[in-house]
N, C-alpha and C. Protein backbone atom coordinates (compact mmCIF):
# COMPACT_ATOMS: atom_id res chain seq x y z
N MET A 1 13.14 51.57 21.25
CA MET A 1 14.06 51.04 22.23
C MET A 1 13.35 50.68 23.53
N ILE A 2 12.48 51.56 23.96
CA ILE A 2 11.78 51.32 25.22
C ILE A 2 10.89 50.10 25.12
N VAL A 3 10.13 50.01 24.04
CA VAL A 3 9.21 48.88 23.87
C VAL A 3 9.97 47.56 23.84
N ALA A 4 11.06 47.51 23.07
CA ALA A 4 11.83 46.27 22.98
C ALA A 4 12.44 45.90 24.33
N ALA A 5 12.95 46.89 25.05
CA ALA A 5 13.54 46.61 26.36
C ALA A 5 12.48 46.06 27.32
N LEU A 6 11.31 46.67 27.32
CA LEU A 6 10.26 46.21 28.23
C LEU A 6 9.66 44.87 27.80
N LEU A 7 9.60 44.61 26.50
CA LEU A 7 9.09 43.32 26.02
C LEU A 7 10.06 42.18 26.32
N ALA A 8 11.31 42.50 26.57
CA ALA A 8 12.28 41.45 26.94
C ALA A 8 11.94 40.85 28.30
N ILE A 9 11.34 41.62 29.18
CA ILE A 9 11.08 41.15 30.55
C ILE A 9 10.13 39.95 30.59
N PRO A 10 8.98 39.98 29.89
CA PRO A 10 8.13 38.79 29.94
C PRO A 10 8.70 37.58 29.21
N VAL A 11 9.72 37.78 28.38
CA VAL A 11 10.35 36.67 27.67
C VAL A 11 11.39 35.97 28.55
N ILE A 12 11.87 36.63 29.59
CA ILE A 12 12.93 36.08 30.45
C ILE A 12 12.59 34.69 30.99
N PRO A 13 11.40 34.43 31.51
CA PRO A 13 11.12 33.08 32.02
C PRO A 13 11.25 31.99 30.95
N LEU A 14 10.80 32.27 29.74
CA LEU A 14 10.93 31.30 28.66
C LEU A 14 12.39 31.10 28.29
N TRP A 15 13.16 32.16 28.28
CA TRP A 15 14.59 32.11 27.97
C TRP A 15 15.37 31.35 29.03
N MET A 16 15.01 31.54 30.28
CA MET A 16 15.80 30.97 31.37
C MET A 16 15.22 29.65 31.89
N TYR A 17 13.92 29.49 31.86
CA TYR A 17 13.29 28.32 32.48
C TYR A 17 12.41 27.55 31.49
N GLY A 18 12.74 27.55 30.21
CA GLY A 18 11.91 26.95 29.17
C GLY A 18 11.49 25.51 29.44
N GLY A 19 12.40 24.69 29.94
CA GLY A 19 12.05 23.32 30.29
C GLY A 19 12.29 22.29 29.20
N SER A 20 12.31 22.69 27.95
CA SER A 20 12.60 21.76 26.85
C SER A 20 13.48 22.49 25.85
N LEU A 21 14.13 21.71 25.00
CA LEU A 21 15.03 22.30 24.02
C LEU A 21 14.29 23.27 23.10
N ALA A 22 13.09 22.91 22.68
CA ALA A 22 12.30 23.77 21.79
C ALA A 22 11.94 25.09 22.49
N LEU A 23 11.52 25.02 23.74
CA LEU A 23 11.16 26.24 24.46
C LEU A 23 12.38 27.11 24.77
N TYR A 24 13.50 26.46 25.11
CA TYR A 24 14.73 27.22 25.32
C TYR A 24 15.14 27.92 24.03
N GLY A 25 15.02 27.22 22.91
CA GLY A 25 15.35 27.81 21.61
C GLY A 25 14.46 28.98 21.28
N LEU A 26 13.15 28.83 21.51
CA LEU A 26 12.21 29.91 21.28
C LEU A 26 12.53 31.10 22.19
N GLY A 27 12.80 30.80 23.46
CA GLY A 27 13.14 31.86 24.41
C GLY A 27 14.41 32.59 23.99
N ALA A 28 15.43 31.84 23.55
CA ALA A 28 16.68 32.46 23.11
C ALA A 28 16.45 33.35 21.88
N PHE A 29 15.64 32.86 20.95
CA PHE A 29 15.33 33.65 19.76
C PHE A 29 14.61 34.94 20.13
N LEU A 30 13.57 34.82 20.95
CA LEU A 30 12.78 36.01 21.32
C LEU A 30 13.58 37.00 22.14
N ILE A 31 14.41 36.51 23.05
CA ILE A 31 15.21 37.44 23.86
C ILE A 31 16.21 38.17 22.97
N GLN A 32 16.76 37.47 21.97
CA GLN A 32 17.70 38.13 21.06
C GLN A 32 16.99 39.17 20.21
N VAL A 33 15.77 38.91 19.78
CA VAL A 33 15.01 39.90 19.03
C VAL A 33 14.82 41.16 19.88
N MET A 34 14.46 40.97 21.15
CA MET A 34 14.25 42.12 22.03
C MET A 34 15.56 42.85 22.33
N VAL A 35 16.62 42.11 22.57
CA VAL A 35 17.91 42.73 22.84
C VAL A 35 18.38 43.53 21.63
N GLN A 36 18.26 42.95 20.44
CA GLN A 36 18.68 43.67 19.23
C GLN A 36 17.80 44.90 19.02
N GLY A 37 16.49 44.77 19.28
CA GLY A 37 15.60 45.92 19.13
C GLY A 37 15.91 47.02 20.12
N ALA A 38 16.32 46.63 21.33
CA ALA A 38 16.61 47.62 22.36
C ALA A 38 18.00 48.23 22.20
N TRP A 39 19.00 47.40 21.94
CA TRP A 39 20.39 47.86 21.94
C TRP A 39 20.94 48.14 20.54
N GLY A 40 20.33 47.58 19.51
CA GLY A 40 20.87 47.73 18.16
C GLY A 40 20.88 49.16 17.66
N VAL A 41 20.00 49.99 18.18
CA VAL A 41 19.92 51.38 17.71
C VAL A 41 20.70 52.35 18.60
N VAL A 42 21.34 51.84 19.65
CA VAL A 42 22.07 52.72 20.56
C VAL A 42 23.17 53.50 19.84
N PRO A 43 23.99 52.89 18.97
CA PRO A 43 25.02 53.71 18.30
C PRO A 43 24.43 54.85 17.47
N THR A 44 23.32 54.61 16.80
CA THR A 44 22.68 55.67 16.03
C THR A 44 22.13 56.75 16.95
N HIS A 45 21.53 56.34 18.05
CA HIS A 45 21.00 57.29 19.03
C HIS A 45 22.12 58.16 19.59
N LEU A 46 23.26 57.55 19.89
CA LEU A 46 24.41 58.31 20.40
C LEU A 46 24.90 59.31 19.35
N ASN A 47 24.92 58.92 18.08
CA ASN A 47 25.32 59.85 17.02
C ASN A 47 24.39 61.05 16.95
N GLU A 48 23.10 60.80 17.08
CA GLU A 48 22.13 61.89 17.01
C GLU A 48 22.27 62.86 18.18
N LEU A 49 22.69 62.37 19.33
CA LEU A 49 22.82 63.22 20.50
C LEU A 49 24.15 63.96 20.57
N SER A 50 25.13 63.52 19.77
CA SER A 50 26.47 64.10 19.83
C SER A 50 26.56 65.40 19.05
N PRO A 51 27.29 66.40 19.60
CA PRO A 51 27.54 67.62 18.83
C PRO A 51 28.39 67.32 17.60
N ASP A 52 28.25 68.12 16.56
CA ASP A 52 28.97 67.89 15.31
C ASP A 52 30.48 67.72 15.52
N ALA A 53 31.07 68.52 16.38
CA ALA A 53 32.53 68.53 16.55
C ALA A 53 33.08 67.20 17.08
N VAL A 54 32.27 66.43 17.78
CA VAL A 54 32.76 65.17 18.36
C VAL A 54 31.94 63.96 17.91
N ARG A 55 31.17 64.12 16.85
CA ARG A 55 30.30 63.04 16.40
C ARG A 55 31.08 61.80 15.98
N GLY A 56 32.29 61.95 15.51
CA GLY A 56 33.09 60.80 15.11
C GLY A 56 33.75 60.08 16.27
N THR A 57 33.86 60.74 17.42
CA THR A 57 34.58 60.18 18.56
C THR A 57 33.67 59.83 19.73
N LEU A 58 32.79 60.73 20.09
CA LEU A 58 31.99 60.55 21.30
C LEU A 58 31.13 59.29 21.32
N PRO A 59 30.40 58.96 20.26
CA PRO A 59 29.58 57.74 20.32
C PRO A 59 30.41 56.47 20.54
N GLY A 60 31.53 56.37 19.86
CA GLY A 60 32.38 55.19 20.04
C GLY A 60 32.97 55.13 21.43
N PHE A 61 33.39 56.29 21.95
CA PHE A 61 33.94 56.35 23.31
C PHE A 61 32.87 55.95 24.33
N ALA A 62 31.67 56.51 24.19
CA ALA A 62 30.59 56.18 25.11
C ALA A 62 30.23 54.70 25.04
N TYR A 63 30.18 54.17 23.84
CA TYR A 63 29.84 52.76 23.65
C TYR A 63 30.89 51.86 24.31
N GLN A 64 32.16 52.19 24.12
CA GLN A 64 33.23 51.38 24.72
C GLN A 64 33.28 51.55 26.24
N MET A 65 32.95 52.70 26.75
CA MET A 65 32.87 52.87 28.21
C MET A 65 31.74 52.00 28.78
N GLY A 66 30.66 51.89 28.03
CA GLY A 66 29.59 50.98 28.43
C GLY A 66 30.07 49.54 28.46
N ASN A 67 30.87 49.15 27.46
CA ASN A 67 31.45 47.80 27.46
C ASN A 67 32.36 47.59 28.66
N LEU A 68 33.13 48.62 29.00
CA LEU A 68 34.02 48.53 30.16
C LEU A 68 33.21 48.32 31.44
N LEU A 69 32.15 49.08 31.59
CA LEU A 69 31.29 48.92 32.77
C LEU A 69 30.62 47.55 32.80
N ALA A 70 30.27 47.04 31.62
CA ALA A 70 29.59 45.74 31.55
C ALA A 70 30.55 44.57 31.71
N ALA A 71 31.85 44.83 31.68
CA ALA A 71 32.83 43.74 31.76
C ALA A 71 32.73 42.97 33.07
N GLY A 72 32.25 43.59 34.11
CA GLY A 72 32.13 42.92 35.40
C GLY A 72 30.84 42.13 35.57
N THR A 73 30.00 42.13 34.55
CA THR A 73 28.70 41.47 34.63
C THR A 73 28.82 39.99 34.98
N ALA A 74 29.68 39.27 34.29
CA ALA A 74 29.80 37.82 34.53
C ALA A 74 30.27 37.55 35.96
N SER A 75 31.23 38.33 36.43
CA SER A 75 31.71 38.15 37.81
C SER A 75 30.62 38.46 38.83
N ALA A 76 29.89 39.53 38.60
CA ALA A 76 28.82 39.91 39.52
C ALA A 76 27.71 38.86 39.54
N GLN A 77 27.33 38.36 38.37
CA GLN A 77 26.30 37.33 38.31
C GLN A 77 26.79 36.05 38.98
N SER A 78 28.04 35.71 38.77
CA SER A 78 28.60 34.51 39.40
C SER A 78 28.60 34.64 40.91
N TRP A 79 28.98 35.81 41.40
CA TRP A 79 28.98 36.04 42.85
C TRP A 79 27.57 35.92 43.41
N LEU A 80 26.60 36.56 42.76
CA LEU A 80 25.21 36.46 43.19
C LEU A 80 24.73 35.01 43.18
N ALA A 81 25.08 34.29 42.13
CA ALA A 81 24.62 32.91 41.98
C ALA A 81 25.21 32.01 43.05
N GLU A 82 26.48 32.13 43.32
CA GLU A 82 27.15 31.25 44.28
C GLU A 82 26.75 31.54 45.72
N ARG A 83 26.54 32.78 46.04
CA ARG A 83 26.32 33.14 47.44
C ARG A 83 24.87 33.40 47.82
N HIS A 84 24.02 33.58 46.83
CA HIS A 84 22.69 34.05 47.18
C HIS A 84 21.53 33.31 46.50
N VAL A 85 21.43 33.40 45.18
CA VAL A 85 20.17 33.02 44.55
C VAL A 85 20.24 31.91 43.51
N GLY A 86 21.41 31.47 43.11
CA GLY A 86 21.53 30.50 42.03
C GLY A 86 21.64 31.19 40.69
N LEU A 87 22.23 30.51 39.71
CA LEU A 87 22.51 31.13 38.42
C LEU A 87 21.26 31.54 37.65
N PRO A 88 20.23 30.70 37.52
CA PRO A 88 19.06 31.15 36.73
C PRO A 88 18.43 32.43 37.27
N LEU A 89 18.28 32.53 38.56
CA LEU A 89 17.66 33.73 39.13
C LEU A 89 18.60 34.93 39.03
N ALA A 90 19.90 34.71 39.20
CA ALA A 90 20.86 35.81 39.07
C ALA A 90 20.83 36.37 37.65
N MET A 91 20.84 35.50 36.65
CA MET A 91 20.80 35.96 35.26
C MET A 91 19.47 36.61 34.92
N SER A 92 18.38 36.02 35.38
CA SER A 92 17.04 36.57 35.11
C SER A 92 16.89 37.95 35.73
N GLY A 93 17.27 38.07 36.98
CA GLY A 93 17.17 39.36 37.67
C GLY A 93 18.03 40.42 37.03
N TRP A 94 19.25 40.02 36.68
CA TRP A 94 20.17 40.97 36.03
C TRP A 94 19.57 41.48 34.73
N MET A 95 19.06 40.57 33.93
CA MET A 95 18.47 40.94 32.64
C MET A 95 17.28 41.88 32.82
N ALA A 96 16.43 41.58 33.79
CA ALA A 96 15.26 42.43 34.04
C ALA A 96 15.67 43.83 34.48
N VAL A 97 16.64 43.91 35.38
CA VAL A 97 17.10 45.22 35.85
C VAL A 97 17.72 46.02 34.71
N VAL A 98 18.55 45.39 33.89
CA VAL A 98 19.16 46.09 32.75
C VAL A 98 18.09 46.59 31.79
N ALA A 99 17.08 45.77 31.51
CA ALA A 99 16.00 46.19 30.61
C ALA A 99 15.25 47.39 31.18
N LEU A 100 14.95 47.35 32.47
CA LEU A 100 14.25 48.47 33.11
C LEU A 100 15.09 49.74 33.12
N VAL A 101 16.38 49.62 33.43
CA VAL A 101 17.26 50.78 33.45
C VAL A 101 17.38 51.40 32.06
N LEU A 102 17.55 50.57 31.03
CA LEU A 102 17.63 51.08 29.67
C LEU A 102 16.36 51.83 29.30
N ALA A 103 15.21 51.23 29.57
CA ALA A 103 13.94 51.87 29.25
C ALA A 103 13.80 53.21 29.98
N LEU A 104 14.18 53.24 31.24
CA LEU A 104 14.10 54.48 32.03
C LEU A 104 15.04 55.55 31.49
N LEU A 105 16.28 55.17 31.18
CA LEU A 105 17.24 56.15 30.67
C LEU A 105 16.81 56.73 29.33
N VAL A 106 16.29 55.88 28.46
CA VAL A 106 15.83 56.38 27.16
C VAL A 106 14.61 57.29 27.35
N TYR A 107 13.71 56.90 28.23
CA TYR A 107 12.52 57.71 28.49
C TYR A 107 12.88 59.09 29.05
N LEU A 108 13.82 59.12 29.99
CA LEU A 108 14.20 60.38 30.63
C LEU A 108 15.17 61.21 29.81
N GLY A 109 15.88 60.58 28.89
CA GLY A 109 16.91 61.27 28.12
C GLY A 109 16.34 62.14 27.01
N PRO A 110 17.21 62.96 26.41
CA PRO A 110 16.76 63.84 25.32
C PRO A 110 16.52 63.06 24.04
N GLU A 111 15.72 63.64 23.18
CA GLU A 111 15.49 63.07 21.86
C GLU A 111 16.00 64.06 20.83
N ALA A 112 16.65 63.57 19.80
CA ALA A 112 17.22 64.44 18.78
C ALA A 112 16.56 64.19 17.42
N ARG A 113 15.30 63.93 17.43
CA ARG A 113 14.57 63.62 16.19
C ARG A 113 14.60 64.83 15.25
N GLY A 114 14.92 64.55 14.00
CA GLY A 114 14.93 65.60 12.98
C GLY A 114 16.12 66.53 13.05
N VAL A 115 17.13 66.20 13.82
CA VAL A 115 18.29 67.08 13.97
C VAL A 115 19.06 67.16 12.66
N GLY A 116 19.61 68.34 12.37
CA GLY A 116 20.44 68.51 11.18
C GLY A 116 21.88 68.24 11.55
N PHE A 117 22.60 67.54 10.69
CA PHE A 117 24.00 67.22 10.95
C PHE A 117 24.91 68.11 10.13
N GLY A 118 26.01 68.55 10.74
CA GLY A 118 27.01 69.32 10.01
C GLY A 118 26.49 70.62 9.42
N GLY A 119 25.63 71.31 10.13
CA GLY A 119 25.10 72.57 9.65
C GLY A 119 23.89 72.43 8.73
N ALA A 120 23.49 71.21 8.43
CA ALA A 120 22.31 71.01 7.60
C ALA A 120 21.06 71.41 8.36
N ALA A 121 20.07 71.84 7.63
CA ALA A 121 18.80 72.22 8.26
C ALA A 121 18.11 70.98 8.82
N PRO A 122 17.46 71.13 9.97
CA PRO A 122 16.72 69.99 10.53
C PRO A 122 15.63 69.54 9.57
N THR A 123 15.35 68.26 9.59
CA THR A 123 14.30 67.70 8.72
C THR A 123 12.99 67.66 9.47
N LYS A 124 11.90 67.74 8.74
CA LYS A 124 10.58 67.61 9.35
C LYS A 124 10.16 66.16 9.29
N ASN A 125 9.66 65.64 10.41
CA ASN A 125 9.19 64.25 10.47
C ASN A 125 7.70 64.19 10.60
């Protein structure tokens, strides 16, 4: 997750300022690979961190609360773009900050590698 989030940052200029249809396409493809690599495993990570008693509810609740918090993203970017920096820089900056915050949170957060679920013995990795 951390590597994919951080690798998204150098792809941002190609994604946002490619200059030609081919470069924009390449940038869009690469940014999506990094986004999927960084965010695609979040539901599994949340399941691993959840206690057995709430494993069916807590990850979905946390994921949807994240969606609720992210709902204001378009409005915030629009406000930044109109009043301050323009849309390309607002989107680029937003993406870079989100990637850095995700990498930092994963780095600082707990890891549940090899955890046993439902009373099962932990596995050795």
